[in-house]
Amino acid sequence: MDFNAIMKQAREMHEKMNKVQNELASKTVTGSAGGGMVTVQATGRGDIVSIVIEDVAIDRAEKEMLQDLISGAVNDALRKARELAKREMAGLTGGVQIPGLTNMF
């Protein structure tokens, strides 16, 4: 195979990967816990954008429960961000699993 053709394909793949990563940064997913008492919004790249806590969940006596709900909502949002990234990258790679490329998180 022609080395120049391989290099051209590598550059094109790199450009497409950068585009997908930029698109992931602009997309958001929402995770929740406690029936929606705590919601967390994250970008497709896994950055937390916001955390919303319903008033009913704020009770000093239930501090430990609230902490668990926040952890659950964050984990739910990040799981959804990983799934979004995996779907977007699968479109880029044609479904081929490429180590380090398809497992961004």
Protein backbone atom coordinates (compact mmCIF):
# COMPACT_ATOMS: atom_id res chain seq x y z
CA MET A 1 0.00 0.00 0.00
CA ASP A 2 1.16 3.53 -0.78
CA PHE A 3 2.65 5.27 2.29
CA ASN A 4 1.21 8.64 1.21
CA ALA A 5 -2.25 7.12 0.98
CA ILE A 6 -1.89 5.69 4.50
CA MET A 7 -0.77 9.07 5.84
CA LYS A 8 -3.69 10.77 4.12
CA GLN A 9 -6.12 8.29 5.69
CA ALA A 10 -4.53 8.84 9.12
CA ARG A 11 -4.91 12.64 8.78
CA GLU A 12 -8.53 12.27 7.68
CA MET A 13 -9.27 9.95 10.63
CA HIS A 14 -7.60 12.40 13.01
CA GLU A 15 -9.68 15.29 11.64
CA LYS A 16 -12.88 13.26 11.93
CA MET A 17 -11.98 12.22 15.48
CA ASN A 18 -11.40 15.87 16.47
CA LYS A 19 -14.75 16.79 14.96
CA VAL A 20 -16.54 14.05 16.91
CA GLN A 21 -14.81 15.10 20.14
CA ASN A 22 -15.86 18.72 19.59
CA GLU A 23 -19.42 17.59 18.90
CA LEU A 24 -19.40 15.49 22.08
CA ALA A 25 -18.36 18.56 24.06
CA SER A 26 -21.46 20.39 22.81
CA LYS A 27 -23.93 17.55 23.49
CA THR A 28 -25.39 16.94 26.93
CA VAL A 29 -26.94 14.03 28.77
CA THR A 30 -28.90 14.08 32.01
CA GLY A 31 -28.63 11.54 34.80
CA SER A 32 -30.95 11.33 37.76
CA ALA A 33 -31.45 9.56 41.06
CA GLY A 34 -34.16 9.32 43.68
CA GLY A 35 -36.96 9.56 41.16
CA GLY A 36 -35.64 12.87 39.87
CA MET A 37 -34.86 14.43 43.26
CA VAL A 38 -31.28 14.91 42.04
CA THR A 39 -30.41 15.49 38.39
CA VAL A 40 -26.98 15.94 36.88
CA GLN A 41 -26.23 17.25 33.42
CA ALA A 42 -22.93 16.29 31.74
CA THR A 43 -21.37 16.85 28.35
CA GLY A 44 -20.66 13.96 26.02
CA ARG A 45 -17.02 14.31 27.05
CA GLY A 46 -17.89 13.69 30.71
CA ASP A 47 -17.74 17.21 32.12
CA ILE A 48 -20.41 17.98 34.73
CA VAL A 49 -22.45 21.02 33.64
CA SER A 50 -25.01 21.27 36.42
CA ILE A 51 -26.44 19.57 39.49
CA VAL A 52 -30.05 20.25 40.48
CA ILE A 53 -31.40 19.18 43.86
CA GLU A 54 -35.13 19.35 44.53
CA ASP A 55 -36.09 21.10 47.78
CA VAL A 56 -37.65 17.91 49.14
CA ALA A 57 -34.21 16.24 49.10
CA ILE A 58 -32.59 18.94 51.25
CA ASP A 59 -32.83 17.85 54.88
CA ARG A 60 -29.88 17.99 57.29
CA ALA A 61 -31.04 14.74 58.86
CA GLU A 62 -30.85 13.06 55.43
CA LYS A 63 -27.39 14.35 54.49
CA GLU A 64 -26.03 10.84 53.82
CA MET A 65 -28.99 9.97 51.59
CA LEU A 66 -28.49 13.20 49.61
CA GLN A 67 -24.82 12.41 49.12
CA ASP A 68 -25.77 8.95 47.82
CA LEU A 69 -28.33 10.49 45.45
CA ILE A 70 -25.76 12.93 44.09
CA SER A 71 -23.25 10.12 43.53
CA GLY A 72 -25.93 8.04 41.81
CA ALA A 73 -27.02 10.89 39.54
CA VAL A 74 -23.41 11.75 38.61
CA ASN A 75 -22.66 8.10 37.81
CA ASP A 76 -25.86 7.88 35.74
CA ALA A 77 -24.92 11.02 33.75
CA LEU A 78 -21.35 9.82 33.17
CA ARG A 79 -22.57 6.37 32.07
CA LYS A 80 -24.83 8.09 29.53
CA ALA A 81 -21.93 10.29 28.40
CA ARG A 82 -19.79 7.18 27.81
CA GLU A 83 -22.63 5.55 25.85
CA LEU A 84 -23.01 8.71 23.73
CA ALA A 85 -19.26 8.82 23.06
CA LYS A 86 -19.24 5.14 22.15
CA ARG A 87 -22.12 5.62 19.67
CA GLU A 88 -20.48 8.68 18.12
CA MET A 89 -17.10 6.98 17.78
CA ALA A 90 -18.71 3.83 16.34
CA GLY A 91 -20.04 6.03 13.56
CA LEU A 92 -16.52 7.27 12.93
CA THR A 93 -14.87 3.84 12.95
CA GLY A 94 -17.67 1.99 11.20
CA GLY A 95 -18.26 -0.10 14.32
CA VAL A 96 -14.68 -1.40 14.47
CA GLN A 97 -13.36 -1.43 18.04
CA ILE A 98 -10.08 0.52 18.10
CA PRO A 99 -8.34 0.42 21.50
CA GLY A 100 -7.94 3.89 22.99
CA LEU A 101 -10.27 5.42 20.44
CA THR A 102 -13.57 3.80 21.32
CA ASN A 103 -12.94 3.79 25.09
CA MET A 104 -12.49 7.51 25.72
CA PHE A 105 -13.52 7.33 29.40
